Amino acid sequence: MGLLHTGGHIEMRYHQVNNQGELMIGIYYSKPELLKNGKLRLHENR
């Protein structure tokens, strides 16, 4: 799930299971950048 904030910043929640079978959850923040070739680059911060 993610939220788009003013200024284009994205706040996302995630969950995953690691190799030991442990559930890991977290939040990270990203700022998208549109590149000249049309691709999108995400600058992520945790």
Protein backbone atom coordinates (compact mmCIF):
# COMPACT_ATOMS: atom_id res chain seq x y z
CA MET A 1 0.00 0.00 0.00
CA GLY A 2 1.28 3.47 -0.72
CA LEU A 3 0.40 7.13 -0.28
CA LEU A 4 1.33 10.00 -2.57
CA HIS A 5 2.22 13.15 -0.63
CA THR A 6 2.45 16.76 -1.72
CA GLY A 7 5.57 17.31 -3.79
CA GLY A 8 5.42 13.81 -5.28
CA HIS A 9 6.92 11.85 -2.37
CA ILE A 10 5.62 8.28 -1.98
CA GLU A 11 5.21 6.57 1.40
CA MET A 12 4.89 2.77 1.18
CA ARG A 13 4.29 -0.11 3.59
CA TYR A 14 5.67 -3.58 2.94
CA HIS A 15 5.77 -7.05 4.42
CA GLN A 16 7.86 -10.06 3.47
CA VAL A 17 8.95 -13.43 4.78
CA ASN A 18 12.72 -14.02 4.97
CA ASN A 19 14.60 -17.30 4.41
CA GLN A 20 14.16 -18.21 8.09
CA GLY A 21 10.37 -17.92 7.78
CA GLU A 22 10.22 -14.70 9.84
CA LEU A 23 7.71 -12.01 8.92
CA MET A 24 9.35 -8.62 8.35
CA ILE A 25 7.39 -5.37 8.00
CA GLY A 26 8.41 -1.80 7.38
CA ILE A 27 7.87 1.60 5.84
CA TYR A 28 9.95 3.35 3.22
CA TYR A 29 9.81 6.67 1.47
CA SER A 30 10.59 7.33 -2.16
CA LYS A 31 10.88 10.33 -4.44
CA PRO A 32 10.28 9.51 -8.12
CA GLU A 33 12.43 11.11 -10.82
CA LEU A 34 11.47 11.01 -14.49
CA LEU A 35 14.60 10.41 -16.59
CA LYS A 36 15.22 11.82 -20.07
CA ASN A 37 14.74 8.34 -21.60
CA GLY A 38 11.20 8.13 -20.13
CA LYS A 39 12.11 5.70 -17.35
CA LEU A 40 11.26 6.34 -13.72
CA ARG A 41 13.94 6.24 -10.99
CA LEU A 42 12.90 5.90 -7.34
CA HIS A 43 15.15 7.45 -4.68
CA GLU A 44 14.35 5.38 -1.59
CA ASN A 45 14.84 6.15 2.10
CA ARG A 46 13.97 3.77 4.92
